[in-house]
Each structure stands twice: as structure tokens, then as C-alpha cells.
Protein backbone atom coordinates (compact mmCIF):
# COMPACT_ATOMS: atom_id res chain seq x y z
CA MET A 1 27.09 10.33 34.05
CA LYS A 2 25.51 13.64 34.97
CA LEU A 3 23.04 15.33 32.65
CA THR A 4 20.98 18.48 32.49
CA LEU A 5 17.57 17.98 30.90
CA ARG A 6 15.43 20.76 29.52
CA VAL A 7 12.00 19.20 29.01
CA TRP A 8 8.85 20.70 27.51
CA ARG A 9 6.10 20.72 30.15
CA GLN A 10 2.50 21.52 29.22
CA LYS A 11 -0.46 20.69 31.46
CA ASN A 12 -2.95 20.17 28.65
CA ALA A 13 -3.79 21.22 25.10
CA ASN A 14 -5.26 24.54 26.25
CA SER A 15 -2.46 25.56 28.61
CA PRO A 16 0.73 27.37 27.65
CA GLY A 17 3.89 25.29 27.83
CA ALA A 18 7.48 26.00 28.81
CA MET A 19 10.82 24.25 29.19
CA ALA A 20 11.60 22.91 32.68
CA THR A 21 15.15 22.11 33.79
CA TYR A 22 16.10 18.92 35.65
CA HIS A 23 19.43 17.50 36.77
CA LEU A 24 20.18 13.78 36.70
CA ASP A 25 23.12 11.83 38.06
CA GLY A 26 24.15 8.19 37.74
CA ILE A 27 22.81 7.71 34.22
CA SER A 28 24.30 4.63 32.57
CA THR A 29 25.47 4.78 28.96
CA ALA A 30 23.71 1.41 28.46
CA MET A 31 20.32 2.97 29.18
CA SER A 32 17.93 3.73 26.35
CA PHE A 33 16.71 7.30 26.12
CA LEU A 34 13.27 6.26 27.39
CA GLU A 35 14.84 4.43 30.35
CA MET A 36 16.59 7.69 31.19
CA LEU A 37 13.20 9.45 31.12
CA ASP A 38 11.82 6.68 33.35
CA THR A 39 14.61 7.45 35.82
CA LEU A 40 13.67 11.14 35.73
CA ASN A 41 10.03 10.31 36.38
CA GLU A 42 10.89 8.03 39.30
CA GLU A 43 12.78 10.91 40.92
CA LEU A 44 9.94 13.34 40.25
CA ILE A 45 7.40 10.95 41.81
CA LEU A 46 9.59 10.56 44.92
CA LEU A 47 9.65 14.35 45.19
CA GLY A 48 5.87 14.49 44.91
CA GLU A 49 6.00 16.18 41.52
CA GLU A 50 4.09 15.40 38.32
CA PRO A 51 6.01 12.96 36.09
CA VAL A 52 6.73 13.87 32.48
CA ALA A 53 4.14 12.43 30.08
CA PHE A 54 5.60 10.84 26.95
CA ASP A 55 4.40 8.28 24.41
CA HIS A 56 5.85 4.78 24.27
CA ASP A 57 4.70 1.22 23.69
CA CYS A 58 6.81 -1.60 22.25
CA ARG A 59 10.22 0.01 22.93
CA GLU A 60 11.60 -2.13 20.11
CA GLY A 61 11.57 0.41 17.27
CA ILE A 62 8.47 -1.09 15.69
CA CYS A 63 5.35 0.81 16.79
CA GLY A 64 6.50 4.40 16.22
CA ALA A 65 4.92 5.70 19.44
CA CYS A 66 8.06 7.26 20.94
CA SER A 67 7.77 10.64 19.24
CA LEU A 68 10.37 13.03 20.67
CA VAL A 69 12.46 15.90 19.34
CA ILE A 70 15.86 15.59 21.01
CA ASN A 71 18.27 18.50 20.70
CA GLY A 72 16.32 19.71 17.69
CA ASP A 73 16.34 16.38 15.84
CA ALA A 74 13.39 14.03 15.41
CA HIS A 75 14.24 10.91 17.48
CA GLY A 76 17.63 12.39 18.34
CA PRO A 77 21.16 12.32 16.88
CA GLU A 78 21.01 8.73 15.54
CA ARG A 79 18.86 7.51 12.64
CA THR A 80 16.65 5.35 14.82
CA THR A 81 13.58 5.63 17.02
CA ALA A 82 13.86 7.35 20.41
CA CYS A 83 13.31 4.04 22.20
CA GLN A 84 16.33 2.55 20.41
CA LEU A 85 18.53 5.60 21.07
CA HIS A 86 20.99 4.89 23.89
CA MET A 87 22.65 7.27 26.29
CA ARG A 88 26.08 6.34 24.90
CA SER A 89 25.20 8.81 22.15
CA PHE A 90 25.65 11.60 24.73
CA ARG A 91 28.43 12.70 27.06
CA GLY A 92 28.52 13.41 30.74
CA GLY A 93 27.70 17.05 31.44
CA ASP A 94 25.58 17.43 28.31
CA THR A 95 22.44 19.54 28.28
CA ILE A 96 19.67 17.76 26.40
CA ASP A 97 16.54 19.47 25.13
CA VAL A 98 13.47 17.21 24.86
CA GLU A 99 10.40 18.49 23.03
CA PRO A 100 7.25 17.09 21.40
CA TRP A 101 6.67 16.95 17.63
CA ARG A 102 6.15 20.49 16.36
CA ALA A 103 3.37 20.57 13.75
CA SER A 104 -0.05 22.20 13.68
CA ALA A 105 -1.58 18.88 12.62
CA PHE A 106 -0.07 17.23 15.75
CA PRO A 107 -1.47 19.27 18.66
CA VAL A 108 0.15 18.75 22.06
CA VAL A 109 -2.00 16.72 24.46
CA LYS A 110 0.29 16.92 27.50
CA ASP A 111 4.02 17.50 27.94
CA LEU A 112 5.70 15.41 25.21
CA VAL A 113 2.53 13.65 24.01
CA VAL A 114 0.93 14.81 20.76
CA ASP A 115 -2.27 13.79 19.00
CA ARG A 116 -1.28 11.96 15.81
CA SER A 117 -4.80 10.81 14.91
CA ALA A 118 -4.48 12.83 11.68
CA PHE A 119 -2.36 9.91 10.42
CA ASP A 120 -5.17 7.50 11.30
CA ARG A 121 -7.65 9.52 9.28
CA ILE A 122 -5.32 9.52 6.26
CA ILE A 123 -5.15 5.72 6.49
CA GLN A 124 -8.92 5.48 6.87
CA ALA A 125 -9.33 7.51 3.68
CA GLY A 126 -7.75 4.81 1.52
CA GLY A 127 -4.98 2.81 3.15
CA TYR A 128 -6.64 -0.57 2.73
CA VAL A 129 -7.70 -3.14 0.12
CA SER A 130 -11.31 -4.28 -0.26
CA VAL A 131 -10.79 -7.32 -2.50
CA PRO A 132 -11.13 -10.75 -0.86
CA THR A 133 -7.57 -12.10 -0.78
CA GLY A 134 -8.49 -15.28 1.11
CA ALA A 135 -6.15 -17.16 3.42
CA ALA A 136 -2.38 -17.12 3.04
CA PRO A 137 -2.15 -19.97 0.48
CA GLU A 138 -4.82 -18.32 -1.69
CA ALA A 139 -3.15 -14.94 -1.46
CA HIS A 140 0.11 -16.52 -2.58
CA ALA A 141 -1.65 -17.72 -5.73
CA THR A 142 -1.52 -14.15 -7.05
CA PRO A 143 1.92 -13.64 -8.60
CA VAL A 144 3.72 -10.40 -7.79
CA PRO A 145 6.87 -9.46 -9.76
CA LYS A 146 9.96 -9.33 -7.55
CA PRO A 147 10.68 -5.61 -8.20
CA ASP A 148 7.08 -4.74 -7.25
CA ALA A 149 7.25 -6.88 -4.12
CA ASP A 150 10.52 -5.23 -3.07
CA PHE A 151 9.05 -1.77 -3.71
CA ALA A 152 5.96 -2.60 -1.66
CA PHE A 153 7.95 -4.03 1.25
CA GLU A 154 10.26 -1.02 1.28
CA HIS A 155 7.29 1.30 1.77
CA ALA A 156 5.48 -1.04 4.14
CA GLU A 157 8.31 -0.45 6.62
CA CYS A 158 6.81 2.94 7.53
CA ILE A 159 5.75 2.81 11.19
CA GLY A 160 3.82 6.08 11.17
CA CYS A 161 5.95 7.70 13.86
CA GLY A 162 5.64 11.19 12.35
CA ALA A 163 9.36 12.00 12.33
CA CYS A 164 9.00 13.09 8.71
CA VAL A 165 6.46 15.72 9.73
CA ALA A 166 8.48 16.88 12.73
CA ALA A 167 11.67 17.23 10.66
CA CYS A 168 10.04 19.01 7.71
CA PRO A 169 10.28 22.83 7.89
CA ASN A 170 6.79 22.92 6.35
CA GLY A 171 5.26 20.23 8.56
CA SER A 172 4.45 18.13 5.49
CA ALA A 173 3.14 14.56 5.65
CA MET A 174 4.03 13.70 2.06
CA LEU A 175 6.58 10.99 2.93
CA PHE A 176 4.17 9.19 5.26
CA THR A 177 1.28 9.41 2.79
CA SER A 178 3.43 8.36 -0.15
CA ALA A 179 4.67 5.30 1.76
CA LYS A 180 1.09 4.19 2.43
CA VAL A 181 -0.07 4.88 -1.13
CA ASN A 182 2.91 3.26 -2.84
CA HIS A 183 2.82 0.21 -0.60
CA LEU A 184 -0.64 -0.77 -1.87
CA ASN A 185 -0.81 0.76 -5.35
CA VAL A 186 1.99 -1.37 -6.75
CA LEU A 187 0.36 -4.66 -5.67
CA PRO A 188 -2.37 -6.41 -7.69
CA GLN A 189 -4.51 -6.62 -4.53
CA GLY A 190 -4.51 -2.83 -4.36
CA ALA A 191 -5.45 -2.27 -8.01
CA PRO A 192 -9.25 -1.86 -7.60
CA GLU A 193 -8.81 1.30 -5.47
CA ARG A 194 -5.63 2.52 -7.13
CA GLU A 195 -7.06 5.83 -8.36
CA THR A 196 -9.45 6.57 -5.50
CA ARG A 197 -6.82 5.67 -2.91
CA VAL A 198 -4.29 8.30 -3.90
CA LEU A 199 -6.91 10.99 -4.48
CA ASP A 200 -8.67 10.35 -1.18
CA MET A 201 -5.54 10.01 0.92
CA VAL A 202 -3.89 13.12 -0.49
CA GLY A 203 -7.17 14.99 -0.08
CA GLN A 204 -7.40 13.93 3.57
CA MET A 205 -3.77 14.85 4.14
CA ASP A 206 -4.48 18.37 2.89
CA ALA A 207 -7.66 18.59 4.97
CA GLU A 208 -5.70 17.76 8.13
CA GLY A 209 -3.64 20.92 7.75
CA PHE A 210 -0.22 19.48 6.98
CA GLY A 211 2.11 21.81 5.12
CA GLY A 212 3.11 21.58 1.50
CA CYS A 213 6.16 19.64 0.32
CA THR A 214 9.08 21.58 -1.15
CA LEU A 215 11.41 18.55 -1.37
CA THR A 216 13.92 19.78 1.20
CA GLY A 217 14.63 16.11 1.99
CA GLU A 218 14.61 16.47 5.78
CA CYS A 219 11.79 13.91 6.00
CA ALA A 220 13.80 11.11 4.41
CA THR A 221 16.88 12.03 6.45
CA ALA A 222 14.94 11.74 9.71
CA CYS A 223 12.94 8.63 8.82
CA PRO A 224 14.09 5.81 11.12
CA LYS A 225 12.98 3.19 8.60
CA GLY A 226 14.68 4.72 5.58
CA ILE A 227 11.64 5.49 3.43
CA PRO A 228 13.33 7.04 0.35
CA LEU A 229 12.64 10.57 -0.88
CA PRO A 230 11.72 9.37 -4.43
CA SER A 231 8.66 7.82 -2.78
CA ILE A 232 7.08 11.28 -2.96
CA ALA A 233 7.71 11.54 -6.70
CA ALA A 234 6.14 8.11 -7.18
CA MET A 235 3.02 9.22 -5.32
CA ASN A 236 2.84 12.46 -7.30
CA LYS A 237 2.95 10.38 -10.49
CA GLU A 238 0.08 8.24 -9.17
CA TRP A 239 -1.90 11.36 -8.23
CA LEU A 240 -1.47 12.92 -11.70
CA ARG A 241 -2.47 9.64 -13.34
CA ALA A 242 -5.59 9.36 -11.17
CA THR A 243 -6.51 13.01 -11.68
CA ARG A 244 -6.30 12.73 -15.47
CA LYS A 245 -8.37 9.55 -15.45
CA ALA A 246 -11.01 11.17 -13.22
CA ARG A 247 -11.26 14.13 -15.60
CA LYS A 248 -11.74 11.85 -18.59
CA VAL A 249 -14.48 9.93 -16.79
CA GLY A 250 -16.10 13.22 -15.80
CA ARG A 251 -16.26 14.28 -19.44
């Protein structure tokens, strides 16, 4: 099928960007969206032009690297990652706009590539456990109630792609941060840092310049792994609990 692509091109972080128009023919509906971009880049290279820079890695919907806004939607029209989106979701003759994540905390590096290291710094602030859990058999010796295990696994599915930030009108990272906080805080292995974790991670999130959450719900709608919106309420509850405890200790 024939397609018209309007792709965001930006030489580097300090250069102004603009949409560039390209025309493709012979695109198979069985192609993934990234394979279609590969085809575009092959044609650009043959023409002696600069290929479009975009992030990708596993191409299996696991790593979260393929951060693209497609026709205004994070990861495109399907609730999946861009690498798992296939061209059968489009029709011949369509015009497709491809842009990077739009958030002040995710500055554009080049073309469709953004710097998402703000997420790494939020994780570094508290997304870990420091207790010695031992090898797998020893770790299994610590009983975890089934509801808690299910809750933890549900939040552990977050791949840190940033779709929640890109979809949020405020550029908030609350869904990502809540997934990381809730994943560990409900487990006994995460109990020693339960209070400091939520305070430090939320504090780092704010320091990175993400916007405030107004519970519009766009984050949960765009999340390819289905992290639920009530995750944010659960983190807020943890934050209030930790704040009150810190005040009592301070007195």
C-alpha cells in the first residue's frame, strides 16, 4: 500500500525541528510499524539523505524503547507498543504523523529520539530493595499473600516506555512512579524502605519537572501494559502515610 508520512526531523537538542513529508509505496500490511520506518530509512540512505533516528531494541513489546507518537496517540491507534503495531492498522493512502514524546522532562535528542533518563533517576531514588533476599530458594521462604503477589506482579509489568507521560495533558509521571512504588511497597522484601521509597521517588519525580496529575486517565488508557489508574491512588495513600510518619518522628 501507498502511504504519506509526516515525520518530525530535528538535527539535535539545540536545533529547531519541523515535520518532513515522505511518500512510501509497496508497504505490506504484515510489516510492523518499525519495519515500515526501516523501509523509509533504507530509501533515504539510497538517496544519500540522513535516515530518521528512532529508538528501538527488543522489538517484542518488552523493553519500552520504541517511544513514538503516531497520529497523536502514544504508540499509535492500538493499545500496544509501537514495535508491536502492524501496518494492517492503517489503510492505503493514509497520511501518518510520527512524532517524539512531547514532555519537558523528555527533551528531544534527535528526530524521534528523546532522553528518558529522568525515569532512571526516579528509579535510582528508591526503586530497589536493600535487604539480602538470598538465592531463589531462600527468597521463596518468605511467604507473600496471593493478593499482594498479584498486586505486585500487576505493577511490575510497567516497562518504563513513557507513554503515560506522552499521553497526559500535564506531562505527569504519576502512573510510572506509582507502578514502581507499589510493586515494591506491597512485598515484605520492600518493607525496610517503604516510607523513604515513596517520599524519595515522588520527590525526584517532582524535581525532574514532570507535570502534576489531575486524574484525566489518559495515562492508563495509553499504557501498553495496562497499569491501572487506581495505582496512583494507592501511591498517594503510601505517600500520605509516609509523610505523617516522618512528621511524628520529626517531633
